[in-house]
Protein backbone atom coordinates (compact mmCIF):
# COMPACT_ATOMS: atom_id res chain seq x y z
CA MET A 1 0.00 0.00 0.00
CA LYS A 2 1.44 3.37 -0.95
CA PHE A 3 2.82 5.79 1.60
CA ARG A 4 0.07 7.90 3.17
CA LEU A 5 1.04 11.53 3.40
CA VAL A 6 0.45 13.19 6.74
CA ALA A 7 -1.11 16.57 6.26
CA THR A 8 0.22 18.68 9.11
CA LEU A 9 3.67 19.85 10.02
CA ALA A 10 3.22 18.70 13.60
CA THR A 11 2.64 15.16 12.44
CA LEU A 12 5.54 15.39 10.00
CA ALA A 13 7.82 16.57 12.77
CA ALA A 14 6.61 13.76 14.99
CA LEU A 15 7.52 11.29 12.28
CA LEU A 16 11.00 12.77 12.03
CA THR A 17 11.48 12.62 15.78
CA GLY A 18 10.26 9.06 16.08
CA CYS A 19 8.65 8.43 19.47
CA ALA A 20 9.36 11.88 20.87
CA VAL A 21 6.66 13.28 23.12
CA ALA A 22 6.54 16.62 21.32
CA PRO A 23 7.40 17.53 17.74
CA GLN A 24 10.62 19.37 17.03
CA LEU A 25 10.05 23.12 17.06
CA PRO A 26 11.84 25.48 14.65
CA VAL A 27 15.38 26.43 15.63
CA PRO A 28 16.65 29.76 14.25
CA MET A 29 20.21 29.90 12.97
CA ALA A 30 22.51 31.85 15.27
CA PRO A 31 24.78 34.58 13.87
CA ASN A 32 28.21 33.43 12.73
CA THR A 33 27.09 29.79 12.46
CA LEU A 34 28.47 29.77 8.93
CA SER A 35 31.63 31.73 9.65
CA ALA A 36 35.14 30.48 8.86
CA GLN A 37 35.38 29.29 12.48
CA GLY A 38 32.33 27.06 12.08
CA GLY A 39 34.32 24.12 10.70
CA ARG A 40 33.68 22.07 7.57
CA ILE A 41 30.01 21.89 6.70
CA GLY A 42 28.55 19.03 4.67
CA VAL A 43 25.49 19.57 2.50
CA ALA A 44 23.27 16.54 2.03
CA MET A 45 19.84 15.81 0.64
CA SER A 46 17.45 12.91 0.89
CA ALA A 47 16.29 11.27 -2.33
CA LEU A 48 13.77 13.50 -4.07
CA PRO A 49 10.28 11.99 -4.09
CA ALA A 50 8.59 11.71 -7.47
CA ALA A 51 5.65 14.06 -7.88
CA ASN A 52 2.41 12.33 -6.97
CA THR A 53 -1.09 12.88 -5.60
CA ASP A 54 -2.34 12.28 -2.07
CA PHE A 55 -5.86 12.17 -0.62
CA PRO A 56 -5.78 12.69 3.17
CA GLY A 57 -9.05 11.85 4.85
CA ALA A 58 -9.89 9.02 2.46
CA GLY A 59 -9.08 6.69 5.29
CA CYS A 60 -10.62 3.36 4.39
CA LEU A 61 -9.48 1.21 1.48
CA LEU A 62 -12.71 1.74 -0.46
CA CYS A 63 -12.55 5.50 0.20
CA LEU A 64 -8.99 5.65 -1.09
CA ALA A 65 -9.89 3.58 -4.13
CA ALA A 66 -12.80 5.89 -4.93
CA ALA A 67 -10.62 8.99 -4.52
CA SER A 68 -7.89 7.48 -6.70
CA VAL A 69 -10.35 6.67 -9.48
CA ALA A 70 -12.02 10.10 -9.31
CA ASN A 71 -8.63 11.83 -9.60
CA SER A 72 -6.90 9.39 -11.93
CA LYS A 73 -6.34 11.96 -14.69
CA LEU A 74 -4.79 14.38 -12.22
CA THR A 75 -2.52 11.63 -10.87
CA THR A 76 -1.42 10.67 -14.36
CA HIS A 77 -0.55 14.30 -15.13
CA THR A 78 1.13 14.97 -11.78
CA LYS A 79 3.50 12.05 -12.30
CA THR A 80 4.83 13.76 -15.45
CA LEU A 81 5.94 16.86 -13.51
CA GLY A 82 9.64 17.22 -12.85
CA PRO A 83 11.54 18.63 -9.88
CA GLU A 84 12.83 21.68 -11.79
CA ASP A 85 15.90 23.09 -9.98
CA LEU A 86 15.51 21.07 -6.77
CA PRO A 87 18.39 18.70 -7.69
CA LYS A 88 20.64 21.79 -7.67
CA LEU A 89 19.70 22.67 -4.10
CA LYS A 90 22.90 21.23 -2.59
CA GLN A 91 25.15 23.12 -5.01
CA GLN A 92 23.30 26.39 -4.41
CA ALA A 93 23.47 25.90 -0.64
CA ALA A 94 27.20 25.15 -0.79
CA GLU A 95 27.84 28.35 -2.74
CA LEU A 96 25.94 30.41 -0.16
CA ILE A 97 27.82 28.75 2.71
CA ARG A 98 31.16 29.54 1.08
CA LYS A 99 30.12 33.17 0.71
CA LYS A 100 29.60 33.25 4.47
CA GLY A 101 33.20 32.14 4.96
CA ALA A 102 32.75 28.48 5.90
CA GLU A 103 34.06 25.49 3.96
CA ALA A 104 31.28 23.52 2.29
CA VAL A 105 31.45 19.87 1.24
CA ILE A 106 28.73 18.51 -1.06
CA ILE A 107 27.61 14.97 -0.19
CA GLU A 108 26.87 13.45 -3.57
CA GLU A 109 24.80 10.40 -2.62
CA PRO A 110 21.28 10.74 -1.22
CA LEU A 111 21.16 10.68 2.57
CA VAL A 112 18.93 7.96 4.04
CA VAL A 113 18.19 9.27 7.52
CA ASP A 114 16.08 6.22 8.43
CA ASP A 115 19.19 4.05 8.11
CA LEU A 116 21.02 5.96 10.86
CA PRO A 117 20.94 4.51 14.39
CA SER A 118 18.77 6.08 17.06
CA ALA A 119 20.52 8.63 19.24
CA SER A 120 21.15 7.71 22.85
CA GLN A 121 20.94 11.28 24.10
CA LYS A 122 17.46 12.81 24.24
CA GLY A 123 16.48 16.40 24.86
CA PRO A 124 15.35 19.68 23.31
CA ASN A 125 16.83 20.36 19.87
CA GLN A 126 18.57 16.99 19.80
CA SER A 127 18.27 14.85 16.70
CA PRO A 128 16.53 11.52 17.35
CA LYS A 129 18.97 9.97 14.86
CA ASP A 130 22.69 9.60 15.55
CA PHE A 131 24.67 11.44 12.86
CA ALA A 132 28.04 10.99 14.61
CA ALA A 133 29.42 8.39 12.18
CA LEU A 134 29.06 10.86 9.30
CA LYS A 135 31.66 13.15 10.88
CA ALA A 136 34.49 10.78 10.00
CA LYS A 137 32.86 9.38 6.88
CA TYR A 138 32.64 12.74 5.14
CA GLY A 139 35.27 14.70 7.07
CA VAL A 140 32.81 17.38 8.18
CA ASP A 141 31.91 18.99 11.49
CA LYS A 142 28.30 19.86 10.73
CA LEU A 143 25.74 18.63 8.23
CA PHE A 144 23.05 20.55 6.40
CA VAL A 145 20.19 18.25 5.47
CA PHE A 146 17.40 19.01 3.00
CA ASP A 147 14.62 16.47 3.37
CA ILE A 148 11.67 16.83 0.98
CA GLN A 149 9.04 14.32 2.02
CA PHE A 150 6.22 15.06 -0.41
CA LEU A 151 5.89 16.92 -3.69
CA GLY A 152 2.79 17.03 -5.86
CA MET A 153 -0.95 17.56 -5.47
CA GLN A 154 -3.02 17.03 -2.36
CA ARG A 155 -6.81 16.85 -2.22
CA PRO A 156 -8.44 16.42 1.20
CA TYR A 157 -11.35 14.03 1.55
CA SER A 158 -14.00 13.24 4.12
CA SER A 159 -14.39 9.51 3.54
CA TYR A 160 -15.69 9.32 -0.04
CA ILE A 161 -16.32 13.05 -0.54
CA PRO A 162 -13.69 15.66 -1.44
CA SER A 163 -13.62 18.50 1.08
CA SER A 164 -11.47 20.83 -1.04
CA ASP A 165 -10.14 21.35 -4.53
CA PRO A 166 -6.66 19.92 -5.16
CA LYS A 167 -3.69 22.09 -4.26
CA ALA A 168 -0.01 21.96 -5.13
CA VAL A 169 2.05 21.00 -2.07
CA MET A 170 5.64 20.62 -0.92
CA LEU A 171 6.34 19.28 2.57
CA GLY A 172 9.68 18.67 4.21
CA PHE A 173 12.38 19.86 6.59
CA GLY A 174 15.70 21.62 6.49
CA TYR A 175 18.15 21.32 9.37
CA LEU A 176 21.78 21.73 10.40
CA VAL A 177 23.20 19.09 12.75
CA ASN A 178 26.33 19.57 14.84
CA LEU A 179 28.01 16.17 14.48
CA SER A 180 29.94 16.56 17.74
CA ASN A 181 26.84 16.61 19.95
CA ASN A 182 23.99 15.68 17.57
CA SER A 183 22.17 18.96 18.23
CA TYR A 184 20.21 21.06 15.78
CA GLU A 185 21.78 24.43 15.05
CA TRP A 186 18.95 25.15 12.64
CA PHE A 187 15.64 23.39 12.06
CA ALA A 188 12.83 24.57 9.81
CA PRO A 189 9.71 22.82 8.58
CA VAL A 190 8.85 23.65 4.95
CA ASN A 191 5.14 23.64 4.16
CA ILE A 192 4.26 25.26 0.85
CA VAL A 193 0.67 25.04 -0.42
CA LYS A 194 -0.81 26.85 -3.40
CA SER A 195 -4.20 26.69 -5.10
CA SER A 196 -4.83 27.02 -8.81
CA GLU A 197 -5.36 30.66 -9.74
CA GLY A 198 -8.09 29.64 -12.20
CA ALA A 199 -10.18 26.59 -12.81
CA TRP A 200 -8.26 23.55 -11.65
CA ASP A 201 -10.19 20.77 -13.43
CA GLU A 202 -8.87 21.23 -16.97
CA ALA A 203 -7.69 17.77 -17.94
CA PRO A 204 -5.43 16.49 -19.31
CA ALA A 205 -2.86 19.30 -18.84
CA PHE A 206 -4.36 20.96 -15.73
CA PRO A 207 -2.63 24.30 -16.52
CA GLY A 208 -3.78 26.08 -13.35
CA LEU A 209 -2.55 23.41 -10.99
CA THR A 210 0.60 22.88 -13.04
CA ASN A 211 1.48 26.55 -12.69
CA ALA A 212 0.78 26.34 -8.95
CA TYR A 213 3.05 23.29 -8.72
CA TYR A 214 6.03 25.08 -10.25
CA GLN A 215 5.43 28.09 -8.00
CA VAL A 216 5.46 25.73 -5.01
CA VAL A 217 8.74 24.20 -6.16
CA GLU A 218 10.34 27.63 -6.45
CA ALA A 219 8.93 28.85 -3.13
CA GLY A 220 10.07 25.66 -1.41
CA LYS A 221 13.59 26.01 -2.76
CA ASP A 222 13.70 29.60 -1.51
CA ALA A 223 12.47 28.51 1.92
CA PHE A 224 15.30 25.98 2.22
CA LEU A 225 17.93 28.52 1.18
CA LYS A 226 16.59 31.56 3.05
CA PRO A 227 18.68 31.15 6.24
CA LEU A 228 21.81 30.78 4.12
CA ALA A 229 21.11 33.85 2.04
CA ASN A 230 20.32 36.19 4.95
């Protein structure tokens, strides 16, 4: 059964923090974090998800089947949409880090956070995953992570009945982990949602939603890079 997208940032953060009692709150980046004294900073990214549709609220199997059939043309079209400049996110981040004075190291392979062991130390602004082994593996002191968890179209349902028109959505997290103590020096949820500016139901090309999708991609990229550009 396909992955069911959770619709709120609180739930997304709870997923990232495993069994934590409370979701991870945003952590602003302190001044001089990216200075020349900040050490070598790795820039990593999880594997980009393919664009797809999701129907939160269609909870039962028959509800989900009905929603999938009703939106099959939209799903077919959404799966043709590309990630635009998102694959360049690591390179753009590295350039901005270097402009701040720090040394940036691009991690070429996708980062699979779920494969990391659980951290033994718990507490506020502590990663639930243990990143320590990556310090020696990549020769870095800190690690920027861009984790896009969903990209595509979302249409909420109440059982069998849609409760909203579809919207373009990007959901994920950006964070900076200090590999010496496994603490977050920056943590930001990214939740970008945009409706079609005109009629959305114009199959097969869905121009209104397609335009909203590419605006979401651009706005999401900017949200990930904002703390580096400031």
